[in-house]
Amino acid sequence: MGTVHRLTAATAAPATLGGAIDTYLTYGLGGSEHDATRRTYGGILRRLAAQFGKASPLDELDPDAVAEWFTAEWGQRAPSTWNVSLDAIRLAGAYWRKQGWTDSDPTVRLARKRVTEDRSRALSRADIDRLLTRDDISIRERTLWRMLYETAARSAEVLRLDVEDLDLANRRATVRRKGGATDVIAWQTGAARLLPRLLKGRKSGPVFVTERKARVQLAAADLDDEGHARLSYQQAAALFTAASGGKTLHQLRHSALTHAAEDGMSAPMMMTKSGHSSIRSLGRYARPSIEALQRHEAEHDPARRR
């Protein structure tokens, strides 16, 4: 959740649900490091406002009515989707209470669902190799995918990179991690060979840009010298999913860390690589794949050595 800001008299407490939502998205989730969260939570909160009325008083948001509507909207969705949607409303409500605008929690009748761990999210090394060596994929996508796999960075962290952030000679770049911390990612030979071909001498602007020039006005920081816009996560994710037969960009990060664990990389080194701040959050990625287990069993099969 973003930093809580006590608003001045000039920006008085909003009287309506719509106003409270807009203020939370602007101040509670302010800062570019929250861009992805703001987009996701914004969509959910605007559905809440559409259901109960933007002009309705914030204090009249009834928890029973919210629970009934929420269950109808997300009850049949995956537990992870349910939880993200619930978090959006619950965290907004917590922000409103801390500002002193309301005393009630609109999600008090709702509970998070248990998420069953998906242990098949890591792709095999063969799958990764096929994806990263396809010659029918553009240089932009090949570079992005390889950087995501070689660095194990989050997609948003790599897509936010500007040319000025890159240290090509030393194969590393400065990134802003989840939560806003500044960190360094490092890549290998594959990405090092592709980056100069992608940049074509560019010295500034976003590393990954759209093929066409922007048709709407954007911040200068999100444009290169020729007017091409920074590649969005939505477009990058859609392109990867279409090319990979339904896989997600996050699976590149997941696979990189799983493979690193199989190769014996220590937990502290993996945390440095991935930007995780706790060993517990890293744990879900560090589970060797079934292919690695089969290799281990074959190598240590006593009957095979006879």
Protein backbone atom coordinates (compact mmCIF):
# COMPACT_ATOMS: atom_id res chain seq x y z
CA MET A 1 0.00 0.00 0.00
CA GLY A 2 1.23 3.51 -0.78
CA THR A 3 2.23 6.14 1.75
CA VAL A 4 -0.65 7.71 3.66
CA HIS A 5 -0.91 11.45 3.04
CA ARG A 6 -2.93 13.71 5.31
CA LEU A 7 -4.65 16.06 2.91
CA THR A 8 -4.71 19.79 3.51
CA ALA A 9 -7.83 21.91 3.81
CA ALA A 10 -7.41 22.81 0.15
CA THR A 11 -8.01 19.16 -0.70
CA ALA A 12 -10.79 18.33 1.73
CA ALA A 13 -12.03 14.81 2.36
CA PRO A 14 -14.12 13.68 -0.61
CA ALA A 15 -17.79 13.25 0.18
CA THR A 16 -18.44 10.63 -2.48
CA LEU A 17 -17.27 7.13 -3.26
CA GLY A 18 -15.99 8.24 -6.67
CA GLY A 19 -13.97 11.06 -5.14
CA ALA A 20 -12.50 8.80 -2.48
CA ILE A 21 -11.42 6.29 -5.13
CA ASP A 22 -9.79 8.97 -7.29
CA THR A 23 -7.93 10.38 -4.28
CA TYR A 24 -6.68 6.95 -3.23
CA LEU A 25 -5.40 6.16 -6.73
CA THR A 26 -3.67 9.56 -6.94
CA TYR A 27 -2.19 9.80 -3.46
CA GLY A 28 -2.40 6.36 -1.88
CA LEU A 29 -0.84 4.77 -4.96
CA GLY A 30 1.18 7.75 -6.13
CA GLY A 31 4.56 7.34 -7.81
CA SER A 32 5.56 5.56 -10.99
CA GLU A 33 6.66 2.47 -9.03
CA HIS A 34 2.95 1.81 -8.41
CA ASP A 35 1.85 2.21 -12.05
CA ALA A 36 0.92 -1.44 -12.57
CA THR A 37 -0.90 -1.70 -9.24
CA ARG A 38 -2.74 1.55 -9.90
CA ARG A 39 -4.00 0.27 -13.24
CA THR A 40 -5.18 -3.04 -11.80
CA TYR A 41 -6.74 -1.61 -8.63
CA GLY A 42 -8.23 1.31 -10.55
CA GLY A 43 -10.22 -1.00 -12.79
CA ILE A 44 -11.61 -2.92 -9.82
CA LEU A 45 -12.44 0.19 -7.78
CA ARG A 46 -14.21 1.81 -10.71
CA ARG A 47 -16.40 -1.27 -11.00
CA LEU A 48 -17.23 -0.78 -7.33
CA ALA A 49 -18.16 2.85 -8.04
CA ALA A 50 -20.23 1.87 -11.06
CA GLN A 51 -22.19 -0.60 -8.93
CA PHE A 52 -22.85 1.63 -5.92
CA GLY A 53 -22.74 5.04 -7.58
CA LYS A 54 -19.88 7.47 -7.92
CA ALA A 55 -21.93 10.14 -6.19
CA SER A 56 -22.98 7.94 -3.28
CA PRO A 57 -21.68 8.94 0.19
CA LEU A 58 -18.59 7.00 1.21
CA ASP A 59 -20.05 6.26 4.65
CA GLU A 60 -23.10 4.59 3.11
CA LEU A 61 -21.10 1.77 1.49
CA ASP A 62 -22.79 -1.24 3.10
CA PRO A 63 -20.50 -4.25 3.80
CA ASP A 64 -23.33 -6.74 3.25
CA ALA A 65 -24.16 -5.25 -0.14
CA VAL A 66 -20.48 -5.13 -1.06
CA ALA A 67 -20.05 -8.80 -0.12
CA GLU A 68 -23.06 -9.85 -2.19
CA TRP A 69 -21.92 -7.87 -5.23
CA PHE A 70 -18.28 -8.94 -4.88
CA THR A 71 -19.18 -12.63 -4.64
CA ALA A 72 -21.35 -12.36 -7.74
CA GLU A 73 -18.55 -10.63 -9.63
CA TRP A 74 -15.56 -12.75 -8.59
CA GLY A 75 -16.94 -15.83 -6.87
CA GLN A 76 -16.34 -18.05 -9.91
CA ARG A 77 -12.92 -16.64 -10.71
CA ALA A 78 -9.57 -18.13 -9.73
CA PRO A 79 -8.59 -17.66 -6.06
CA SER A 80 -5.68 -15.43 -7.05
CA THR A 81 -8.03 -13.15 -9.02
CA TRP A 82 -10.47 -13.08 -6.09
CA ASN A 83 -7.62 -12.10 -3.74
CA VAL A 84 -6.24 -9.33 -5.96
CA SER A 85 -9.72 -7.86 -6.39
CA LEU A 86 -10.38 -8.05 -2.66
CA ASP A 87 -7.03 -6.43 -1.88
CA ALA A 88 -7.87 -3.52 -4.17
CA ILE A 89 -11.01 -2.64 -2.20
CA ARG A 90 -9.63 -3.59 1.22
CA LEU A 91 -6.49 -1.47 0.89
CA ALA A 92 -8.47 1.47 -0.44
CA GLY A 93 -10.76 1.15 2.59
CA ALA A 94 -7.78 1.09 4.94
CA TYR A 95 -6.46 4.27 3.31
CA TRP A 96 -9.84 5.99 3.73
CA ARG A 97 -10.00 5.03 7.42
CA LYS A 98 -6.49 6.33 8.07
CA GLN A 99 -7.48 9.60 6.50
CA GLY A 100 -10.42 9.76 8.90
CA TRP A 101 -13.06 9.73 6.14
CA THR A 102 -14.91 6.62 7.34
CA ASP A 103 -14.93 4.19 10.24
CA SER A 104 -16.14 1.10 8.40
CA ASP A 105 -14.41 -1.60 6.36
CA PRO A 106 -16.46 -2.35 3.22
CA THR A 107 -14.82 -5.79 2.93
CA VAL A 108 -15.42 -6.96 6.51
CA ARG A 109 -17.76 -9.76 5.33
CA LEU A 110 -15.21 -11.10 2.84
CA ALA A 111 -12.10 -13.28 3.29
CA ARG A 112 -9.14 -14.10 1.10
CA LYS A 113 -9.11 -17.51 -0.56
CA ARG A 114 -6.36 -20.06 -0.29
CA VAL A 115 -4.33 -20.22 -3.49
CA THR A 116 -3.19 -23.67 -4.58
CA GLU A 117 0.43 -23.49 -5.61
CA ASP A 118 0.99 -24.10 -9.32
CA ARG A 119 4.18 -26.11 -9.45
CA SER A 120 4.27 -26.34 -13.24
CA ARG A 121 4.80 -22.65 -13.95
CA ALA A 122 8.51 -23.05 -14.70
CA LEU A 123 9.18 -23.87 -18.34
CA SER A 124 11.67 -26.57 -19.25
CA ARG A 125 15.10 -25.55 -20.50
CA ALA A 126 14.17 -26.94 -23.90
CA ASP A 127 11.05 -24.76 -24.01
CA ILE A 128 13.08 -21.71 -23.04
CA ASP A 129 15.69 -22.44 -25.69
CA ARG A 130 13.04 -22.79 -28.39
CA LEU A 131 11.42 -19.50 -27.44
CA LEU A 132 14.64 -17.52 -27.23
CA THR A 133 16.11 -18.78 -30.50
CA ARG A 134 13.09 -18.41 -32.77
CA ASP A 135 14.06 -16.56 -35.94
CA ASP A 136 10.49 -15.53 -36.76
CA ILE A 137 10.31 -13.18 -33.75
CA SER A 138 11.31 -9.51 -33.92
CA ILE A 139 14.59 -8.34 -32.44
CA ARG A 140 12.67 -6.35 -29.81
CA GLU A 141 10.82 -9.39 -28.46
CA ARG A 142 13.88 -11.65 -28.64
CA THR A 143 15.89 -9.10 -26.66
CA LEU A 144 13.15 -8.52 -24.08
CA TRP A 145 12.50 -12.22 -23.52
CA ARG A 146 16.17 -13.05 -23.22
CA MET A 147 16.77 -10.20 -20.77
CA LEU A 148 13.84 -11.32 -18.63
CA TYR A 149 15.17 -14.87 -18.52
CA GLU A 150 18.85 -14.02 -18.05
CA THR A 151 18.24 -11.38 -15.36
CA ALA A 152 15.22 -13.00 -13.66
CA ALA A 153 13.91 -9.45 -13.26
CA ARG A 154 10.25 -8.51 -13.19
CA SER A 155 8.74 -7.54 -16.52
CA ALA A 156 7.88 -4.03 -15.34
CA GLU A 157 11.46 -3.45 -14.16
CA VAL A 158 12.92 -4.28 -17.57
CA LEU A 159 10.25 -2.42 -19.54
CA ARG A 160 10.98 0.72 -17.49
CA LEU A 161 14.64 0.69 -18.55
CA ASP A 162 16.01 3.70 -20.42
CA VAL A 163 19.10 3.52 -22.59
CA GLU A 164 20.91 5.69 -20.04
CA ASP A 165 20.35 2.98 -17.40
CA LEU A 166 22.36 0.42 -19.36
CA ASP A 167 26.01 -0.39 -18.74
CA LEU A 168 26.57 -2.41 -21.90
CA ALA A 169 30.28 -2.95 -21.30
CA ASN A 170 29.65 -4.60 -17.95
CA ARG A 171 26.37 -6.28 -18.92
CA ARG A 172 24.28 -4.68 -16.21
CA ALA A 173 21.68 -1.96 -15.66
CA THR A 174 20.18 0.08 -12.86
CA VAL A 175 16.50 -0.71 -12.22
CA ARG A 176 13.79 0.40 -9.84
CA ARG A 177 12.50 -2.65 -8.03
CA LYS A 178 9.00 -3.34 -6.77
CA GLY A 179 8.42 -0.88 -3.96
CA GLY A 180 10.78 1.72 -5.42
CA ALA A 181 14.19 0.45 -4.31
CA THR A 182 17.10 1.04 -6.71
CA ASP A 183 19.01 -2.11 -7.66
CA VAL A 184 21.21 -3.58 -10.39
CA ILE A 185 20.41 -6.45 -12.76
CA ALA A 186 22.95 -8.39 -14.82
CA TRP A 187 22.62 -10.38 -18.02
CA GLN A 188 24.64 -12.87 -20.03
CA THR A 189 26.05 -13.21 -23.54
CA GLY A 190 22.73 -13.75 -25.30
CA ALA A 191 21.25 -10.41 -24.27
CA ALA A 192 24.64 -8.70 -24.60
CA ARG A 193 24.74 -9.63 -28.30
CA LEU A 194 21.17 -8.53 -28.98
CA LEU A 195 21.07 -5.18 -27.20
CA PRO A 196 23.35 -3.25 -29.63
CA ARG A 197 21.28 -4.55 -32.55
CA LEU A 198 18.09 -3.40 -30.87
CA LEU A 199 19.39 0.06 -29.92
CA LYS A 200 21.03 0.85 -33.29
CA GLY A 201 23.11 3.60 -31.75
CA ARG A 202 20.34 5.19 -29.68
CA LYS A 203 21.75 7.02 -26.66
CA SER A 204 18.59 7.98 -24.78
CA GLY A 205 14.93 7.17 -24.30
CA PRO A 206 13.20 3.87 -23.48
CA VAL A 207 15.06 0.68 -24.40
CA PHE A 208 11.90 -1.08 -25.58
CA VAL A 209 9.62 1.04 -27.77
CA THR A 210 6.61 0.57 -30.02
CA GLU A 211 7.07 0.02 -33.75
CA ARG A 212 4.82 2.97 -34.63
CA LYS A 213 5.13 6.51 -33.35
CA ALA A 214 2.83 7.50 -30.50
CA ARG A 215 -0.54 8.86 -31.62
CA VAL A 216 -1.36 10.52 -28.31
CA GLN A 217 0.56 12.96 -26.19
CA LEU A 218 2.87 11.21 -23.73
CA ALA A 219 5.48 12.30 -21.22
CA ALA A 220 8.86 12.99 -22.83
CA ALA A 221 10.42 10.30 -20.63
CA ASP A 222 8.28 7.67 -22.37
CA LEU A 223 9.33 8.60 -25.91
CA ASP A 224 12.49 8.06 -27.90
CA ASP A 225 14.02 10.74 -30.15
CA GLU A 226 11.83 9.69 -33.07
CA GLY A 227 8.57 9.73 -31.12
CA HIS A 228 8.16 6.01 -30.49
CA ALA A 229 6.50 5.24 -27.14
CA ARG A 230 7.72 2.98 -24.39
CA LEU A 231 6.42 -0.55 -24.92
CA SER A 232 3.60 -1.21 -22.45
CA TYR A 233 3.37 -4.28 -20.27
CA GLN A 234 -0.03 -5.13 -21.76
CA GLN A 235 1.33 -5.21 -25.32
CA ALA A 236 4.50 -7.07 -24.34
CA ALA A 237 2.51 -9.66 -22.39
CA ALA A 238 0.01 -10.18 -25.21
CA LEU A 239 2.77 -10.69 -27.78
CA PHE A 240 4.53 -13.26 -25.61
CA THR A 241 1.35 -15.15 -24.80
CA ALA A 242 0.42 -15.34 -28.48
CA ALA A 243 3.90 -16.49 -29.55
CA SER A 244 4.33 -19.02 -26.74
CA GLY A 245 0.95 -20.69 -26.95
CA GLY A 246 -0.51 -19.26 -23.76
CA LYS A 247 2.54 -18.81 -21.53
CA THR A 248 3.08 -15.61 -19.51
CA LEU A 249 6.01 -13.22 -19.26
CA HIS A 250 6.22 -14.00 -15.55
CA GLN A 251 7.09 -17.60 -16.41
CA LEU A 252 10.41 -16.41 -17.82
CA ARG A 253 11.35 -15.06 -14.38
CA HIS A 254 9.95 -18.14 -12.66
CA SER A 255 11.88 -20.44 -14.99
CA ALA A 256 15.14 -18.52 -14.58
CA LEU A 257 15.04 -18.86 -10.80
CA THR A 258 13.98 -22.50 -10.90
CA HIS A 259 16.85 -23.31 -13.23
CA ALA A 260 19.28 -21.34 -11.07
CA ALA A 261 18.20 -23.40 -8.05
CA GLU A 262 18.70 -26.62 -10.03
CA ASP A 263 22.21 -25.46 -10.90
CA GLY A 264 23.06 -24.97 -7.24
CA MET A 265 22.88 -21.17 -6.94
CA SER A 266 22.74 -20.19 -3.27
CA ALA A 267 19.65 -18.52 -1.82
CA PRO A 268 21.47 -15.20 -1.12
CA MET A 269 22.73 -15.10 -4.70
CA MET A 270 19.25 -15.85 -6.03
CA MET A 271 17.81 -13.04 -3.91
CA THR A 272 20.38 -10.65 -5.34
CA LYS A 273 19.53 -11.81 -8.85
CA SER A 274 15.77 -11.57 -8.50
CA GLY A 275 15.37 -8.64 -6.14
CA HIS A 276 13.39 -10.63 -3.57
CA SER A 277 13.53 -9.15 -0.09
CA SER A 278 12.69 -12.34 1.81
CA ILE A 279 13.66 -15.98 1.53
CA ARG A 280 10.02 -16.97 1.99
CA SER A 281 8.89 -15.15 -1.15
CA LEU A 282 11.79 -16.66 -3.08
CA GLY A 283 10.91 -20.19 -1.99
CA ARG A 284 8.12 -20.75 -4.50
CA TYR A 285 10.60 -20.24 -7.35
CA ALA A 286 13.43 -22.34 -5.95
CA ARG A 287 11.70 -25.70 -6.31
CA PRO A 288 13.50 -27.87 -8.90
CA SER A 289 11.43 -29.01 -11.87
CA ILE A 290 10.27 -32.56 -12.55
CA GLU A 291 12.88 -32.76 -15.35
CA ALA A 292 15.62 -31.98 -12.82
CA LEU A 293 14.21 -34.59 -10.46
CA GLN A 294 14.22 -37.19 -13.23
CA ARG A 295 17.83 -36.37 -14.12
CA HIS A 296 18.79 -36.71 -10.47
CA GLU A 297 17.01 -40.04 -10.15
CA ALA A 298 18.66 -41.36 -13.32
CA GLU A 299 22.12 -40.26 -12.21
CA HIS A 300 21.68 -41.88 -8.80
CA ASP A 301 19.83 -45.01 -9.89
CA PRO A 302 21.82 -47.97 -8.41
CA ALA A 303 20.42 -50.40 -10.98
CA ARG A 304 21.70 -48.21 -13.81
CA ARG A 305 25.28 -48.44 -12.50
CA ARG A 306 25.33 -52.24 -12.47
